[in-house]
């Protein structure tokens, strides 16, 4: 397929790109350099990343921007969640050290009152 030929792309998945097909989506740097436009089109069309190797070892990945955005957003969200969990744990440890906690019996009583258990 020439770089100028654009075909209708497959719909991206909700979580980003599909898995690469090793027999089709792993290429050497030398091959990539000569056909970069074709590989850009292929990632856009198939929503599969292209793995680029140097000296037989994977070194880089080409991913369409449509598939990259959900990946980068999910990583940012996971980082924010992890930071919040760490902050919550630190707060819990501080509250426990000050004696600000409830026994299991107290918590169960609160749940019964709140949720009618």
N, C-alpha and C. Protein backbone atom coordinates (compact mmCIF):
# COMPACT_ATOMS: atom_id res chain seq x y z
N UNK A 1 0.85 -1.17 0.00
CA UNK A 1 0.00 0.00 0.00
C UNK A 1 0.89 1.23 0.00
N UNK A 2 0.63 2.19 -0.86
CA UNK A 2 1.45 3.38 -0.90
C UNK A 2 1.03 4.34 0.20
N UNK A 3 1.92 5.20 0.67
CA UNK A 3 1.60 6.12 1.75
C UNK A 3 0.48 7.08 1.37
N UNK A 4 0.26 7.32 0.09
CA UNK A 4 -0.77 8.27 -0.34
C UNK A 4 -2.16 7.65 -0.35
N UNK A 5 -2.27 6.33 -0.34
CA UNK A 5 -3.55 5.66 -0.37
C UNK A 5 -4.10 5.55 1.04
N UNK A 6 -5.22 6.20 1.30
CA UNK A 6 -5.84 6.13 2.62
C UNK A 6 -7.07 5.25 2.54
N UNK A 7 -7.15 4.32 3.44
CA UNK A 7 -8.31 3.45 3.49
C UNK A 7 -9.11 3.78 4.74
N UNK A 8 -10.30 3.26 4.81
CA UNK A 8 -11.14 3.48 5.98
C UNK A 8 -10.55 2.73 7.17
N UNK A 9 -10.27 3.46 8.26
CA UNK A 9 -9.66 2.78 9.41
C UNK A 9 -10.65 1.93 10.17
N UNK A 10 -10.13 0.90 10.82
CA UNK A 10 -10.96 0.11 11.73
C UNK A 10 -11.27 0.98 12.93
N UNK A 11 -12.35 0.67 13.62
CA UNK A 11 -12.68 1.44 14.82
C UNK A 11 -11.69 1.11 15.93
N UNK A 12 -11.20 2.16 16.64
CA UNK A 12 -10.27 1.87 17.74
C UNK A 12 -11.00 1.21 18.88
N UNK A 13 -10.25 0.49 19.69
CA UNK A 13 -10.85 -0.11 20.87
C UNK A 13 -10.97 0.96 21.94
N UNK A 14 -11.74 0.70 22.98
CA UNK A 14 -11.91 1.68 24.04
C UNK A 14 -10.63 1.92 24.82
N UNK A 15 -9.78 0.94 24.89
CA UNK A 15 -8.58 1.05 25.71
C UNK A 15 -7.34 1.34 24.90
N UNK A 16 -7.46 1.56 23.62
CA UNK A 16 -6.29 1.87 22.82
C UNK A 16 -6.05 0.85 21.74
N UNK A 17 -4.80 0.69 21.35
CA UNK A 17 -4.50 -0.17 20.20
C UNK A 17 -4.74 -1.64 20.49
N UNK A 18 -4.91 -2.37 19.40
CA UNK A 18 -5.00 -3.82 19.49
C UNK A 18 -3.59 -4.38 19.68
N UNK A 19 -3.49 -5.67 19.94
CA UNK A 19 -2.17 -6.31 20.06
C UNK A 19 -1.54 -6.44 18.68
N UNK A 20 -0.22 -6.29 18.63
CA UNK A 20 0.44 -6.48 17.33
C UNK A 20 0.41 -7.95 16.93
N UNK A 21 0.39 -8.19 15.63
CA UNK A 21 0.54 -9.53 15.09
C UNK A 21 2.03 -9.68 14.78
N UNK A 22 2.70 -10.55 15.51
CA UNK A 22 4.16 -10.61 15.44
C UNK A 22 4.68 -10.87 14.04
N UNK A 23 3.97 -11.67 13.26
CA UNK A 23 4.43 -11.97 11.90
C UNK A 23 4.25 -10.80 10.95
N UNK A 24 3.44 -9.81 11.31
CA UNK A 24 3.17 -8.67 10.43
C UNK A 24 3.61 -7.33 10.99
N UNK A 25 3.70 -7.21 12.29
CA UNK A 25 3.86 -5.90 12.92
C UNK A 25 5.19 -5.69 13.62
N UNK A 26 6.17 -6.54 13.37
CA UNK A 26 7.51 -6.36 13.90
C UNK A 26 8.44 -6.15 12.72
N UNK A 27 9.11 -5.00 12.69
CA UNK A 27 9.96 -4.66 11.54
C UNK A 27 11.30 -4.13 12.03
N UNK A 28 12.29 -4.22 11.15
CA UNK A 28 13.60 -3.68 11.49
C UNK A 28 13.60 -2.17 11.27
N UNK A 29 14.52 -1.48 11.91
CA UNK A 29 14.66 -0.04 11.74
C UNK A 29 14.94 0.30 10.27
N UNK A 30 15.75 -0.50 9.63
CA UNK A 30 16.09 -0.26 8.22
C UNK A 30 14.83 -0.31 7.36
N UNK A 31 13.99 -1.32 7.58
CA UNK A 31 12.74 -1.43 6.82
C UNK A 31 11.81 -0.27 7.14
N UNK A 32 11.73 0.09 8.41
CA UNK A 32 10.86 1.18 8.85
C UNK A 32 11.26 2.49 8.19
N UNK A 33 12.54 2.76 8.17
CA UNK A 33 13.06 4.01 7.63
C UNK A 33 12.64 4.18 6.16
N UNK A 34 12.62 3.11 5.42
CA UNK A 34 12.28 3.19 4.01
C UNK A 34 10.79 3.26 3.72
N UNK A 35 9.95 2.87 4.69
CA UNK A 35 8.51 2.81 4.44
C UNK A 35 7.71 3.45 5.58
N UNK A 36 8.25 4.48 6.19
CA UNK A 36 7.62 5.07 7.38
C UNK A 36 6.18 5.51 7.12
N UNK A 37 5.94 6.16 5.99
CA UNK A 37 4.58 6.61 5.67
C UNK A 37 3.59 5.46 5.59
N UNK A 38 4.04 4.34 5.03
CA UNK A 38 3.17 3.16 4.94
C UNK A 38 2.84 2.62 6.33
N UNK A 39 3.84 2.64 7.21
CA UNK A 39 3.59 2.13 8.56
C UNK A 39 2.69 3.06 9.37
N UNK A 40 2.81 4.37 9.14
CA UNK A 40 1.88 5.30 9.78
C UNK A 40 0.45 4.98 9.35
N UNK A 41 0.27 4.79 8.06
CA UNK A 41 -1.06 4.45 7.52
C UNK A 41 -1.55 3.12 8.09
N UNK A 42 -0.67 2.15 8.19
CA UNK A 42 -1.07 0.84 8.69
C UNK A 42 -1.55 0.92 10.14
N UNK A 43 -0.85 1.68 10.99
CA UNK A 43 -1.30 1.80 12.38
C UNK A 43 -2.62 2.54 12.46
N UNK A 44 -2.81 3.53 11.60
CA UNK A 44 -4.08 4.27 11.58
C UNK A 44 -5.22 3.36 11.15
N UNK A 45 -4.95 2.52 10.16
CA UNK A 45 -5.99 1.66 9.58
C UNK A 45 -6.31 0.45 10.47
N UNK A 46 -5.29 -0.19 11.01
CA UNK A 46 -5.50 -1.45 11.73
C UNK A 46 -5.63 -1.30 13.24
N UNK A 47 -5.17 -0.15 13.75
CA UNK A 47 -5.14 0.09 15.21
C UNK A 47 -4.26 -0.92 15.93
N UNK A 48 -3.26 -1.41 15.19
CA UNK A 48 -2.25 -2.28 15.81
C UNK A 48 -0.93 -1.53 15.81
N UNK A 49 -0.18 -1.59 16.89
CA UNK A 49 1.12 -0.92 16.90
C UNK A 49 2.13 -1.66 16.04
N UNK A 50 3.13 -0.94 15.59
CA UNK A 50 4.26 -1.53 14.85
C UNK A 50 5.45 -1.52 15.80
N UNK A 51 6.07 -2.67 16.01
CA UNK A 51 7.26 -2.79 16.86
C UNK A 51 8.48 -2.67 15.95
N UNK A 52 9.37 -1.74 16.28
CA UNK A 52 10.58 -1.51 15.50
C UNK A 52 11.76 -2.09 16.26
N UNK A 53 12.57 -2.86 15.54
CA UNK A 53 13.74 -3.49 16.17
C UNK A 53 15.03 -2.87 15.65
N UNK A 54 16.06 -2.94 16.49
CA UNK A 54 17.42 -2.60 16.08
C UNK A 54 18.31 -3.73 16.56
N UNK A 55 19.11 -4.25 15.67
CA UNK A 55 19.97 -5.39 15.98
C UNK A 55 19.18 -6.57 16.55
N UNK A 56 17.97 -6.75 16.03
CA UNK A 56 17.15 -7.88 16.42
C UNK A 56 16.40 -7.72 17.73
N UNK A 57 16.52 -6.56 18.38
CA UNK A 57 15.83 -6.35 19.66
C UNK A 57 14.81 -5.22 19.53
N UNK A 58 13.63 -5.39 20.12
CA UNK A 58 12.62 -4.33 20.05
C UNK A 58 13.12 -3.07 20.77
N UNK A 59 12.98 -1.92 20.09
CA UNK A 59 13.44 -0.66 20.68
C UNK A 59 12.38 0.42 20.71
N UNK A 60 11.43 0.38 19.78
CA UNK A 60 10.42 1.44 19.68
C UNK A 60 9.10 0.87 19.18
N UNK A 61 8.06 1.69 19.34
CA UNK A 61 6.73 1.30 18.88
C UNK A 61 6.10 2.48 18.16
N UNK A 62 5.47 2.22 17.03
CA UNK A 62 4.69 3.24 16.32
C UNK A 62 3.22 2.97 16.63
N UNK A 63 2.54 3.99 17.13
CA UNK A 63 1.13 3.87 17.48
C UNK A 63 0.40 5.07 16.89
N UNK A 64 -0.80 4.85 16.35
CA UNK A 64 -1.57 5.98 15.82
C UNK A 64 -1.98 6.89 16.96
N UNK A 65 -2.16 8.15 16.66
CA UNK A 65 -2.53 9.13 17.69
C UNK A 65 -3.90 8.81 18.29
N UNK A 66 -4.80 8.26 17.47
CA UNK A 66 -6.13 7.89 17.95
C UNK A 66 -6.02 6.82 19.04
N UNK A 67 -5.06 5.92 18.90
CA UNK A 67 -4.87 4.87 19.90
C UNK A 67 -3.99 5.33 21.06
N UNK A 68 -3.13 6.30 20.82
CA UNK A 68 -2.23 6.79 21.86
C UNK A 68 -2.99 7.58 22.94
N UNK A 69 -3.96 8.40 22.52
CA UNK A 69 -4.65 9.26 23.47
C UNK A 69 -5.31 8.50 24.62
N UNK A 70 -6.09 7.43 24.35
CA UNK A 70 -6.67 6.71 25.49
C UNK A 70 -5.61 6.07 26.38
N UNK A 71 -4.49 5.62 25.78
CA UNK A 71 -3.42 5.04 26.59
C UNK A 71 -2.82 6.07 27.53
N UNK A 72 -2.50 7.24 26.98
CA UNK A 72 -1.86 8.25 27.82
C UNK A 72 -2.84 8.76 28.87
N UNK A 73 -4.11 8.89 28.52
CA UNK A 73 -5.11 9.32 29.51
C UNK A 73 -5.26 8.30 30.63
N UNK A 74 -5.25 7.01 30.28
CA UNK A 74 -5.42 5.99 31.32
C UNK A 74 -4.20 5.96 32.24
N UNK A 75 -3.00 6.19 31.69
CA UNK A 75 -1.80 6.23 32.53
C UNK A 75 -1.86 7.41 33.48
N UNK A 76 -2.33 8.56 32.98
CA UNK A 76 -2.45 9.74 33.83
C UNK A 76 -3.47 9.49 34.94
N UNK A 77 -4.60 8.86 34.59
CA UNK A 77 -5.62 8.56 35.59
C UNK A 77 -5.10 7.58 36.63
N UNK A 78 -4.38 6.55 36.20
CA UNK A 78 -3.81 5.58 37.14
C UNK A 78 -2.82 6.25 38.08
N UNK A 79 -2.04 7.19 37.56
CA UNK A 79 -1.08 7.92 38.40
C UNK A 79 -1.83 8.75 39.44
N UNK A 80 -2.88 9.45 39.03
CA UNK A 80 -3.66 10.26 39.98
C UNK A 80 -4.30 9.38 41.05
N UNK A 81 -4.84 8.23 40.64
CA UNK A 81 -5.46 7.31 41.60
C UNK A 81 -4.42 6.80 42.58
N UNK A 82 -3.25 6.41 42.09
CA UNK A 82 -2.19 5.92 42.97
C UNK A 82 -1.76 7.00 43.97
N UNK A 83 -1.63 8.23 43.50
CA UNK A 83 -1.26 9.32 44.40
C UNK A 83 -2.33 9.54 45.46
N UNK A 84 -3.62 9.43 45.08
CA UNK A 84 -4.70 9.61 46.04
C UNK A 84 -4.73 8.48 47.06
N UNK A 85 -4.49 7.25 46.62
CA UNK A 85 -4.45 6.11 47.55
C UNK A 85 -3.33 6.29 48.56
N UNK A 86 -2.16 6.72 48.11
CA UNK A 86 -1.04 6.94 49.03
C UNK A 86 -1.38 8.04 50.03
N UNK A 87 -1.98 9.12 49.56
CA UNK A 87 -2.38 10.21 50.47
C UNK A 87 -3.42 9.73 51.48
N UNK A 88 -4.39 8.93 51.02
CA UNK A 88 -5.42 8.40 51.92
C UNK A 88 -4.81 7.47 52.97
N UNK A 89 -3.85 6.65 52.57
CA UNK A 89 -3.19 5.75 53.52
C UNK A 89 -2.41 6.54 54.57
N UNK A 90 -1.72 7.59 54.13
CA UNK A 90 -0.99 8.43 55.07
C UNK A 90 -1.94 9.09 56.07
N UNK A 91 -3.07 9.59 55.58
CA UNK A 91 -4.08 10.19 56.46
C UNK A 91 -4.61 9.16 57.45
N UNK A 92 -4.88 7.96 56.97
CA UNK A 92 -5.38 6.89 57.84
C UNK A 92 -4.38 6.55 58.93
N UNK A 93 -3.11 6.46 58.57
CA UNK A 93 -2.07 6.16 59.56
C UNK A 93 -1.99 7.26 60.62
N UNK A 94 -2.10 8.51 60.19
CA UNK A 94 -2.06 9.63 61.13
C UNK A 94 -3.27 9.60 62.06
N UNK A 95 -4.45 9.34 61.50
CA UNK A 95 -5.66 9.26 62.32
C UNK A 95 -5.57 8.11 63.31
N UNK A 96 -5.06 6.98 62.88
CA UNK A 96 -4.91 5.83 63.77
C UNK A 96 -3.95 6.16 64.91
N UNK A 97 -2.85 6.82 64.59
CA UNK A 97 -1.86 7.20 65.61
C UNK A 97 -2.46 8.14 66.64
N UNK A 98 -3.43 8.97 66.24
CA UNK A 98 -4.10 9.90 67.17
C UNK A 98 -5.27 9.23 67.88
N UNK A 99 -5.54 7.97 67.57
CA UNK A 99 -6.65 7.27 68.20
C UNK A 99 -8.00 7.57 67.56
N UNK A 100 -7.98 8.12 66.38
CA UNK A 100 -9.22 8.47 65.67
C UNK A 100 -9.63 7.32 64.76
N UNK A 101 -10.26 6.32 65.35
CA UNK A 101 -10.73 5.18 64.57
C UNK A 101 -11.92 4.55 65.27
N UNK A 102 -12.61 3.66 64.57
CA UNK A 102 -13.79 2.97 65.09
C UNK A 102 -13.51 1.48 65.15
N UNK A 103 -14.08 0.83 66.12
CA UNK A 103 -13.96 -0.63 66.21
C UNK A 103 -14.87 -1.26 65.14
N UNK A 104 -14.65 -2.53 64.88
CA UNK A 104 -15.50 -3.25 63.93
C UNK A 104 -16.95 -3.19 64.34
N UNK A 105 -17.21 -3.33 65.65
CA UNK A 105 -18.58 -3.29 66.16
C UNK A 105 -19.22 -1.93 65.89
N UNK A 106 -18.46 -0.86 66.10
CA UNK A 106 -18.98 0.48 65.83
C UNK A 106 -19.28 0.67 64.34
N UNK A 107 -18.38 0.21 63.50
CA UNK A 107 -18.57 0.35 62.05
C UNK A 107 -19.80 -0.43 61.60
N UNK A 108 -19.96 -1.65 62.11
CA UNK A 108 -21.12 -2.44 61.75
C UNK A 108 -22.41 -1.74 62.19
N UNK A 109 -22.40 -1.16 63.37
CA UNK A 109 -23.57 -0.41 63.86
C UNK A 109 -23.89 0.78 62.96
N UNK A 110 -22.86 1.50 62.51
CA UNK A 110 -23.06 2.63 61.60
C UNK A 110 -23.65 2.16 60.28
N UNK A 111 -23.17 1.02 59.78
CA UNK A 111 -23.68 0.49 58.52
C UNK A 111 -25.13 0.05 58.67
N UNK A 112 -25.46 -0.56 59.81
CA UNK A 112 -26.86 -0.97 60.04
C UNK A 112 -27.76 0.25 60.02
N UNK A 113 -27.33 1.30 60.69
CA UNK A 113 -28.14 2.51 60.78
C UNK A 113 -28.26 3.18 59.40
N UNK A 114 -27.14 3.28 58.69
CA UNK A 114 -27.11 3.97 57.41
C UNK A 114 -27.82 3.21 56.30
N UNK A 115 -27.60 1.89 56.24
CA UNK A 115 -28.09 1.09 55.12
C UNK A 115 -29.19 0.11 55.49
N UNK A 116 -29.61 0.11 56.74
CA UNK A 116 -30.68 -0.79 57.17
C UNK A 116 -30.30 -2.24 57.10
N UNK A 117 -29.06 -2.55 57.41
CA UNK A 117 -28.61 -3.95 57.38
C UNK A 117 -29.07 -4.70 58.58
